[in-house]
C-alpha atoms as a PDB file:
ATOM      1  CA  MET A   1      81.235  88.822  79.467  1.00  0.00           C
ATOM      2  CA  ASN A   2      82.234  88.945  83.011  1.00  0.00           C
ATOM      3  CA  VAL A   3      84.944  90.462  84.825  1.00  0.00           C
ATOM      4  CA  ILE A   4      86.959  87.119  85.343  1.00  0.00           C
ATOM      5  CA  ASP A   5      86.536  86.167  81.613  1.00  0.00           C
ATOM      6  CA  TRP A   6      87.405  89.695  80.334  1.00  0.00           C
ATOM      7  CA  VAL A   7      90.730  89.293  82.581  1.00  0.00           C
ATOM      8  CA  LYS A   8      91.827  86.211  81.315  1.00  0.00           C
ATOM      9  CA  SER A   9      91.205  86.601  77.656  1.00  0.00           C
ATOM     10  CA  MET A  10      93.685  89.782  78.174  1.00  0.00           C
ATOM     11  CA  VAL A  11      96.855  87.788  79.612  1.00  0.00           C
ATOM     12  CA  THR A  12      98.865  84.368  79.373  1.00  0.00           C
ATOM     13  CA  SER A  13      98.764  81.754  81.754  1.00  0.00           C
ATOM     14  CA  GLU A  14     101.791  82.737  83.248  1.00  0.00           C
ATOM     15  CA  ARG A  15      99.726  85.796  84.311  1.00  0.00           C
ATOM     16  CA  TRP A  16      96.179  84.646  85.049  1.00  0.00           C
ATOM     17  CA  LYS A  17      98.569  82.618  87.976  1.00  0.00           C
ATOM     18  CA  HIS A  18      99.858  85.598  89.374  1.00  0.00           C
ATOM     19  CA  ILE A  19      96.873  87.588  88.985  1.00  0.00           C
ATOM     20  CA  GLU A  20      94.780  84.577  90.660  1.00  0.00           C
ATOM     21  CA  SER A  21      98.240  85.181  93.678  1.00  0.00           C
ATOM     22  CA  VAL A  22      97.582  88.212  94.490  1.00  0.00           C
ATOM     23  CA  ARG A  23      93.925  88.330  94.449  1.00  0.00           C
ATOM     24  CA  LYS A  24      94.448  85.585  97.110  1.00  0.00           C
ATOM     25  CA  MET A  25      96.391  87.678  99.001  1.00  0.00           C
ATOM     26  CA  ALA A  26      94.576  91.088  98.169  1.00  0.00           C
ATOM     27  CA  VAL A  27      91.553  89.092  99.766  1.00  0.00           C
ATOM     28  CA  SER A  28      93.426  87.605 102.929  1.00  0.00           C
ATOM     29  CA  LEU A  29      95.123  91.469 103.657  1.00  0.00           C
ATOM     30  CA  ALA A  30      91.391  93.033 103.695  1.00  0.00           C
ATOM     31  CA  SER A  31      89.797  90.047 105.693  1.00  0.00           C
ATOM     32  CA  LYS A  32      92.578  90.876 108.601  1.00  0.00           C
ATOM     33  CA  TRP A  33      92.225  94.772 107.689  1.00  0.00           C
ATOM     34  CA  ASP A  34      88.706  94.921 107.613  1.00  0.00           C
ATOM     35  CA  VAL A  35      88.972  96.566 104.223  1.00  0.00           C
ATOM     36  CA  ASP A  36      86.090  95.366 101.602  1.00  0.00           C
ATOM     37  CA  GLN A  37      86.937  91.900 100.876  1.00  0.00           C
ATOM     38  CA  LYS A  38      84.734  92.316  97.310  1.00  0.00           C
ATOM     39  CA  GLN A  39      86.285  95.151  96.362  1.00  0.00           C
ATOM     40  CA  ALA A  40      90.054  93.717  97.082  1.00  0.00           C
ATOM     41  CA  ASP A  41      88.783  90.848  94.750  1.00  0.00           C
ATOM     42  CA  LEU A  42      87.927  93.080  92.052  1.00  0.00           C
ATOM     43  CA  ALA A  43      91.336  94.857  92.073  1.00  0.00           C
ATOM     44  CA  GLY A  44      93.309  92.035  92.389  1.00  0.00           C
ATOM     45  CA  LEU A  45      91.576  90.577  90.104  1.00  0.00           C
ATOM     46  CA  ILE A  46      92.101  93.566  86.998  1.00  0.00           C
ATOM     47  CA  HIS A  47      95.572  95.090  88.458  1.00  0.00           C
ATOM     48  CA  ASP A  48      97.663  93.665  85.254  1.00  0.00           C
ATOM     49  CA  VAL A  49      94.793  93.169  82.819  1.00  0.00           C
ATOM     50  CA  ALA A  50      97.177  95.400  80.906  1.00  0.00           C
ATOM     51  CA  ARG A  51     100.285  93.858  81.713  1.00  0.00           C
ATOM     52  CA  ASP A  52     100.779  91.705  78.633  1.00  0.00           C
ATOM     53  CA  PHE A  53     100.082  94.986  76.130  1.00  0.00           C
ATOM     54  CA  SER A  54     103.386  95.847  74.044  1.00  0.00           C
ATOM     55  CA  ASN A  55     105.396  98.745  75.098  1.00  0.00           C
ATOM     56  CA  ASP A  56     103.654 100.857  71.607  1.00  0.00           C
ATOM     57  CA  ASP A  57     100.091  99.511  72.711  1.00  0.00           C
ATOM     58  CA  LEU A  58     101.007 100.959  76.344  1.00  0.00           C
ATOM     59  CA  LEU A  59     101.820 104.240  75.171  1.00  0.00           C
ATOM     60  CA  LYS A  60      99.366 104.380  71.966  1.00  0.00           C
ATOM     61  CA  MET A  61      96.220 103.812  74.698  1.00  0.00           C
ATOM     62  CA  ALA A  62      98.007 105.770  77.179  1.00  0.00           C
ATOM     63  CA  ASN A  63      97.730 108.895  74.902  1.00  0.00           C
ATOM     64  CA  GLU A  64      94.057 108.053  73.628  1.00  0.00           C
ATOM     65  CA  PHE A  65      93.170 107.981  77.159  1.00  0.00           C
ATOM     66  CA  ASP A  66      94.801 111.055  78.088  1.00  0.00           C
ATOM     67  CA  ILE A  67      97.284 109.760  80.821  1.00  0.00           C
ATOM     68  CA  VAL A  68     100.330 112.097  81.334  1.00  0.00           C
ATOM     69  CA  ILE A  69     103.360 110.127  79.959  1.00  0.00           C
ATOM     70  CA  ASP A  70     106.105 111.797  82.101  1.00  0.00           C
ATOM     71  CA  GLU A  71     109.990 110.654  81.365  1.00  0.00           C
ATOM     72  CA  PHE A  72     109.767 108.054  83.267  1.00  0.00           C
ATOM     73  CA  SER A  73     106.674 106.120  81.492  1.00  0.00           C
ATOM     74  CA  ARG A  74     108.304 106.682  78.092  1.00  0.00           C
ATOM     75  CA  GLN A  75     111.583 105.726  79.260  1.00  0.00           C
ATOM     76  CA  SER A  76     109.990 102.239  80.923  1.00  0.00           C
ATOM     77  CA  PRO A  77     106.419 102.198  79.029  1.00  0.00           C
ATOM     78  CA  ILE A  78     105.088  99.072  81.498  1.00  0.00           C
ATOM     79  CA  LEU A  79     104.783 101.491  84.038  1.00  0.00           C
ATOM     80  CA  LEU A  80     101.762 102.508  82.281  1.00  0.00           C
ATOM     81  CA  HIS A  81      99.740  99.256  82.503  1.00  0.00           C
ATOM     82  CA  GLY A  82      98.069 100.127  85.734  1.00  0.00           C
ATOM     83  CA  PRO A  83      96.935 103.705  84.416  1.00  0.00           C
ATOM     84  CA  VAL A  84      95.604 101.838  81.154  1.00  0.00           C
ATOM     85  CA  GLY A  85      94.099  98.770  82.728  1.00  0.00           C
ATOM     86  CA  ALA A  86      92.285 101.002  85.514  1.00  0.00           C
ATOM     87  CA  ILE A  87      91.040 102.909  82.576  1.00  0.00           C
ATOM     88  CA  LEU A  88      90.232 100.031  80.464  1.00  0.00           C
ATOM     89  CA  ALA A  89      88.585  97.971  83.166  1.00  0.00           C
ATOM     90  CA  GLN A  90      86.345 101.584  83.974  1.00  0.00           C
ATOM     91  CA  LYS A  91      85.068 101.877  80.736  1.00  0.00           C
ATOM     92  CA  LYS A  92      83.831  98.255  80.703  1.00  0.00           C
ATOM     93  CA  PHE A  93      82.563  97.686  84.226  1.00  0.00           C
ATOM     94  CA  SER A  94      81.513 100.198  86.827  1.00  0.00           C
ATOM     95  CA  LEU A  95      84.648 100.621  89.232  1.00  0.00           C
ATOM     96  CA  THR A  96      84.901 102.345  92.730  1.00  0.00           C
ATOM     97  CA  ARG A  97      87.322 105.021  93.332  1.00  0.00           C
ATOM     98  CA  ASP A  98      89.033 103.135  95.335  1.00  0.00           C
ATOM     99  CA  VAL A  99      89.306  99.955  92.537  1.00  0.00           C
ATOM    100  CA  PHE A 100      90.014 102.354  90.323  1.00  0.00           C
ATOM    101  CA  ASN A 101      93.227 103.956  92.115  1.00  0.00           C
ATOM    102  CA  SER A 102      94.252 100.343  93.212  1.00  0.00           C
ATOM    103  CA  VAL A 103      94.717  99.495  90.061  1.00  0.00           C
ATOM    104  CA  TYR A 104      96.333 102.645  88.535  1.00  0.00           C
ATOM    105  CA  TYR A 105      98.690 103.059  91.349  1.00  0.00           C
ATOM    106  CA  HIS A 106     100.017  99.513  92.319  1.00  0.00           C
ATOM    107  CA  THR A 107     103.133  99.500  90.357  1.00  0.00           C
ATOM    108  CA  THR A 108     104.477 102.836  91.388  1.00  0.00           C
ATOM    109  CA  GLY A 109     102.337 103.649  94.478  1.00  0.00           C
ATOM    110  CA  TRP A 110     101.409 107.085  94.979  1.00  0.00           C
ATOM    111  CA  LYS A 111     101.002 109.394  98.625  1.00  0.00           C
ATOM    112  CA  ASN A 112      97.989 109.165 100.749  1.00  0.00           C
ATOM    113  CA  MET A 113      97.269 105.639  99.776  1.00  0.00           C
ATOM    114  CA  SER A 114      94.106 104.375 101.002  1.00  0.00           C
ATOM    115  CA  PHE A 115      93.601 101.104 102.797  1.00  0.00           C
ATOM    116  CA  LEU A 116      92.574  99.160  99.909  1.00  0.00           C
ATOM    117  CA  GLU A 117      95.296 100.433  97.704  1.00  0.00           C
ATOM    118  CA  LYS A 118      97.829  99.887 100.150  1.00  0.00           C
ATOM    119  CA  ILE A 119      96.219  95.795 100.383  1.00  0.00           C
ATOM    120  CA  VAL A 120      96.830  95.779  96.317  1.00  0.00           C
ATOM    121  CA  TYR A 121      99.858  97.163  96.296  1.00  0.00           C
ATOM    122  CA  ILE A 122     101.455  94.784  99.158  1.00  0.00           C
ATOM    123  CA  ALA A 123      99.442  91.942  97.523  1.00  0.00           C
ATOM    124  CA  ASP A 124     101.289  92.511  93.901  1.00  0.00           C
ATOM    125  CA  LYS A 125     104.700  92.588  95.624  1.00  0.00           C
ATOM    126  CA  ILE A 126     103.993  89.616  98.025  1.00  0.00           C
ATOM    127  CA  GLU A 127     102.041  86.872  96.314  1.00  0.00           C
ATOM    128  CA  ASP A 128     102.769  83.253  97.337  1.00  0.00           C
ATOM    129  CA  ASN A 129     104.546  83.143  94.407  1.00  0.00           C
ATOM    130  CA  ARG A 130     106.855  85.797  94.811  1.00  0.00           C
ATOM    131  CA  THR A 131     110.282  84.143  95.931  1.00  0.00           C
ATOM    132  CA  PHE A 132     112.749  86.641  96.284  1.00  0.00           C
ATOM    133  CA  PRO A 133     115.073  86.785  99.967  1.00  0.00           C
ATOM    134  CA  GLY A 134     112.725  88.362 102.510  1.00  0.00           C
ATOM    135  CA  VAL A 135     109.753  88.020 100.725  1.00  0.00           C
ATOM    136  CA  GLU A 136     108.438  86.057 103.813  1.00  0.00           C
ATOM    137  CA  VAL A 137     108.877  88.787 106.658  1.00  0.00           C
ATOM    138  CA  LEU A 138     107.033  91.184 103.955  1.00  0.00           C
ATOM    139  CA  ARG A 139     104.206  88.385 104.708  1.00  0.00           C
ATOM    140  CA  GLU A 140     103.877  87.872 108.454  1.00  0.00           C
ATOM    141  CA  GLU A 141     104.544  91.818 108.775  1.00  0.00           C
ATOM    142  CA  ALA A 142     101.449  92.659 106.018  1.00  0.00           C
ATOM    143  CA  PHE A 143      99.217  90.777 108.654  1.00  0.00           C
ATOM    144  CA  LEU A 144     100.726  91.806 111.819  1.00  0.00           C
ATOM    145  CA  ASP A 145     100.945  96.018 110.674  1.00  0.00           C
ATOM    146  CA  LEU A 146      99.888  97.064 107.129  1.00  0.00           C
ATOM    147  CA  ASP A 147     101.764 100.624 107.307  1.00  0.00           C
ATOM    148  CA  ARG A 148     104.903  99.019 108.482  1.00  0.00           C
ATOM    149  CA  ALA A 149     104.557  96.589 105.572  1.00  0.00           C
ATOM    150  CA  LEU A 150     104.159  99.225 103.276  1.00  0.00           C
ATOM    151  CA  ILE A 151     107.545 100.871 104.387  1.00  0.00           C
ATOM    152  CA  LEU A 152     109.473  97.326 103.789  1.00  0.00           C
ATOM    153  CA  VAL A 153     108.155  97.055 100.913  1.00  0.00           C
ATOM    154  CA  LEU A 154     108.980 100.168  98.673  1.00  0.00           C
ATOM    155  CA  GLU A 155     112.092  99.986 100.211  1.00  0.00           C
ATOM    156  CA  ASN A 156     112.607  96.580  98.979  1.00  0.00           C
ATOM    157  CA  SER A 157     111.350  98.184  95.915  1.00  0.00           C
ATOM    158  CA  LEU A 158     113.553 101.330  96.334  1.00  0.00           C
ATOM    159  CA  ARG A 159     116.636  99.270  96.829  1.00  0.00           C
ATOM    160  CA  TYR A 160     116.441  97.020  93.721  1.00  0.00           C
ATOM    161  CA  GLN A 161     115.980  99.848  92.002  1.00  0.00           C
ATOM    162  CA  LEU A 162     119.235 101.881  93.255  1.00  0.00           C
ATOM    163  CA  SER A 163     121.179  98.066  93.020  1.00  0.00           C
ATOM    164  CA  LYS A 164     120.272  99.033  89.495  1.00  0.00           C
ATOM    165  CA  HIS A 165     121.397 102.352  89.192  1.00  0.00           C
ATOM    166  CA  ALA A 166     117.917 102.716  87.622  1.00  0.00           C
ATOM    167  CA  PRO A 167     115.742 106.008  88.131  1.00  0.00           C
ATOM    168  CA  ILE A 168     112.887 106.109  90.966  1.00  0.00           C
ATOM    169  CA  HIS A 169     109.550 106.876  89.682  1.00  0.00           C
ATOM    170  CA  PRO A 170     108.766 110.479  91.669  1.00  0.00           C
ATOM    171  CA  LEU A 171     105.242 108.895  92.369  1.00  0.00           C
ATOM    172  CA  THR A 172     107.019 105.999  94.445  1.00  0.00           C
ATOM    173  CA  ILE A 173     109.360 108.104  95.702  1.00  0.00           C
ATOM    174  CA  GLU A 174     105.921 110.053  96.776  1.00  0.00           C
ATOM    175  CA  ALA A 175     104.639 107.158  98.846  1.00  0.00           C
ATOM    176  CA  TRP A 176     107.745 106.737 100.451  1.00  0.00           C
ATOM    177  CA  ASN A 177     107.826 110.149 102.109  1.00  0.00           C
ATOM    178  CA  SER A 178     103.996 109.902 102.631  1.00  0.00           C
ATOM    179  CA  VAL A 179     104.080 106.590 104.723  1.00  0.00           C
ATOM    180  CA  VAL A 180     107.332 107.232 106.865  1.00  0.00           C
ATOM    181  CA  THR A 181     105.938 110.984 107.363  1.00  0.00           C
ATOM    182  CA  HIS A 182     102.602 109.455 108.692  1.00  0.00           C
ATOM    183  CA  MET A 183     104.005 106.813 110.620  1.00  0.00           C
ATOM    184  CA  GLN A 184     106.632 109.408 113.000  1.00  0.00           C
END
């Protein structure tokens, strides 16, 4: 089974629309920023392969795969869909470390992200089906200054979590601190 058929067999039709849109955005950004477009396409394709799994299945698979389940992921197991999906894809197909990390960390981000990791993280948040206020500005910035776009996307995510009085994953804080430190 090829990667496309495998992913399609694991997700809902609605999720597939999102995945297709993320792939398109990731390839466009990769083209703009001189990053391997095939790797961006593959990472965009598999980034949400485990997104439709139940919380119980995500927790069970994370345990089986020896993924560290921190308190944030225990409270919100959906955060595990990136790590679980990355490992599932790695077991089935050969992934580069960059593609693996792009899938693994696409929800939280993390410190010192590669160009591909930044592209997949941003593409997931700004793909064409997203309609939240300010998304057009984020899309424009992603093609002007990738690091500035990452700051804005992270800021948007942090503001959203803060508005809900929700906890913020330490990896997201590390991503924020890493990117703003490198921008100064």
